[in-house]
Amino acid sequence: MVAAANLLLPSVAMHAVSGTSSATDVIVVLGWILGLVLVGAIAIYLLRRWVKREMEPPVGFSLEDLRQLRDAGEITDVEYNTARDRVIAHVKRQAVSKPGGVESLRRAYTSRRKP
């Protein structure tokens, strides 16, 4: 523990050995602690965000795949509509979570519809 303190805070370790302390030293130590807490909080936030994104299940079918299954009679119209709604909801969630997501989704949709 003392070795870690010597590496991270050499001036504080010197004062701990000598037995002298001042308000400036206390502020420096509190600053280091606050900085470490902030760095840790940011790291935890980014890790949670990354894990959450990795845990989202991928979409198993495209809309074209679903249409082909319906047209081939492999799924009913009710199953098609349910699966289609899920695919569309998943794409919308992904679009909203990305920068410029909804607008880029609208541009992509309208550009495909124009002849």
Protein backbone atom coordinates (compact mmCIF):
# COMPACT_ATOMS: atom_id res chain seq x y z
CA MET A 1 0.00 0.00 0.00
CA VAL A 2 2.85 2.37 0.87
CA ALA A 3 4.56 1.50 -2.43
CA ALA A 4 1.39 2.42 -4.34
CA ALA A 5 1.19 5.71 -2.47
CA ASN A 6 4.82 6.40 -3.33
CA LEU A 7 4.10 5.85 -7.02
CA LEU A 8 0.92 7.86 -7.20
CA LEU A 9 1.54 10.66 -4.75
CA PRO A 10 5.25 11.08 -4.00
CA SER A 11 4.90 14.41 -2.20
CA VAL A 12 2.09 13.09 -0.02
CA ALA A 13 4.12 9.99 0.84
CA MET A 14 7.03 12.22 1.93
CA HIS A 15 4.75 14.24 4.21
CA ALA A 16 3.27 11.05 5.66
CA VAL A 17 6.73 9.83 6.59
CA SER A 18 7.85 13.18 7.99
CA GLY A 19 4.60 13.66 9.91
CA THR A 20 3.94 17.19 8.59
CA SER A 21 0.83 18.13 6.69
CA SER A 22 -0.70 21.34 5.43
CA ALA A 23 -4.01 22.41 3.93
CA THR A 24 -2.42 22.43 0.47
CA ASP A 25 -1.41 18.80 0.86
CA VAL A 26 -4.93 17.85 1.89
CA ILE A 27 -6.36 19.67 -1.13
CA VAL A 28 -3.89 17.90 -3.43
CA VAL A 29 -4.86 14.51 -2.01
CA LEU A 30 -8.56 15.29 -2.32
CA GLY A 31 -7.98 16.44 -5.90
CA TRP A 32 -6.27 13.16 -6.74
CA ILE A 33 -9.08 11.18 -5.14
CA LEU A 34 -11.74 13.19 -6.97
CA GLY A 35 -9.90 12.73 -10.25
CA LEU A 36 -9.64 8.97 -9.75
CA VAL A 37 -13.32 8.74 -8.87
CA LEU A 38 -14.28 10.69 -11.99
CA VAL A 39 -12.08 8.56 -14.24
CA GLY A 40 -13.56 5.42 -12.69
CA ALA A 41 -17.12 6.67 -13.14
CA ILE A 42 -16.49 7.49 -16.80
CA ALA A 43 -14.91 4.08 -17.35
CA ILE A 44 -17.89 2.32 -15.76
CA TYR A 45 -20.35 4.38 -17.84
CA LEU A 46 -18.56 3.56 -21.10
CA LEU A 47 -18.25 -0.12 -20.19
CA ARG A 48 -21.95 -0.41 -19.37
CA ARG A 49 -22.87 1.33 -22.62
CA TRP A 50 -20.62 -1.01 -24.61
CA VAL A 51 -21.98 -4.13 -22.88
CA LYS A 52 -25.57 -3.02 -23.40
CA ARG A 53 -24.94 -2.46 -27.11
CA GLU A 54 -23.25 -5.86 -27.44
CA MET A 55 -26.17 -7.60 -25.72
CA GLU A 56 -28.79 -6.40 -28.22
CA PRO A 57 -29.83 -9.37 -30.33
CA PRO A 58 -29.17 -8.95 -34.03
CA VAL A 59 -32.08 -8.84 -36.41
CA GLY A 60 -32.49 -12.32 -37.83
CA PHE A 61 -34.38 -11.41 -40.98
CA SER A 62 -34.56 -8.51 -43.39
CA LEU A 63 -37.92 -7.31 -44.63
CA GLU A 64 -37.18 -8.91 -47.99
CA ASP A 65 -36.54 -12.27 -46.31
CA LEU A 66 -39.85 -11.98 -44.47
CA ARG A 67 -41.70 -11.15 -47.70
CA GLN A 68 -40.20 -14.19 -49.40
CA LEU A 69 -41.19 -16.45 -46.51
CA ARG A 70 -44.75 -15.08 -46.59
CA ASP A 71 -45.02 -15.39 -50.38
CA ALA A 72 -43.71 -18.98 -50.21
CA GLY A 73 -46.38 -19.79 -47.61
CA GLU A 74 -43.85 -20.63 -44.92
CA ILE A 75 -45.30 -18.02 -42.54
CA THR A 76 -48.79 -16.59 -42.19
CA ASP A 77 -49.77 -12.96 -42.71
CA VAL A 78 -50.09 -12.53 -38.94
CA GLU A 79 -46.57 -13.90 -38.37
CA TYR A 80 -45.27 -11.69 -41.18
CA ASN A 81 -46.84 -8.56 -39.69
CA THR A 82 -45.53 -9.37 -36.20
CA ALA A 83 -42.00 -10.03 -37.45
CA ARG A 84 -42.08 -6.97 -39.72
CA ASP A 85 -43.10 -4.74 -36.81
CA ARG A 86 -40.24 -6.12 -34.71
CA VAL A 87 -37.68 -5.53 -37.47
CA ILE A 88 -38.93 -1.98 -38.01
CA ALA A 89 -38.88 -1.25 -34.26
CA HIS A 90 -35.32 -2.58 -33.99
CA VAL A 91 -34.13 -0.42 -36.90
CA LYS A 92 -35.79 2.64 -35.38
CA ARG A 93 -34.14 2.00 -31.99
CA GLN A 94 -30.76 1.73 -33.67
CA ALA A 95 -31.37 4.91 -35.67
CA VAL A 96 -32.37 6.91 -32.60
CA SER A 97 -29.31 5.76 -30.64
CA LYS A 98 -26.87 6.92 -33.34
CA PRO A 99 -25.93 10.57 -34.01
CA GLY A 100 -28.25 12.05 -36.66
CA GLY A 101 -30.09 8.75 -36.61
CA VAL A 102 -33.72 9.67 -37.24
CA GLU A 103 -32.88 12.24 -39.89
CA SER A 104 -30.52 9.87 -41.70
CA LEU A 105 -33.25 7.20 -41.59
CA ARG A 106 -35.75 9.62 -43.13
CA ARG A 107 -33.27 10.66 -45.84
CA ALA A 108 -32.54 7.03 -46.68
CA TYR A 109 -36.25 6.20 -46.86
CA THR A 110 -37.20 9.18 -49.02
CA SER A 111 -34.22 8.73 -51.35
CA ARG A 112 -35.23 5.12 -52.01
CA ARG A 113 -38.84 6.08 -52.76
CA LYS A 114 -38.00 8.71 -55.38
CA PRO A 115 -37.84 7.32 -58.94
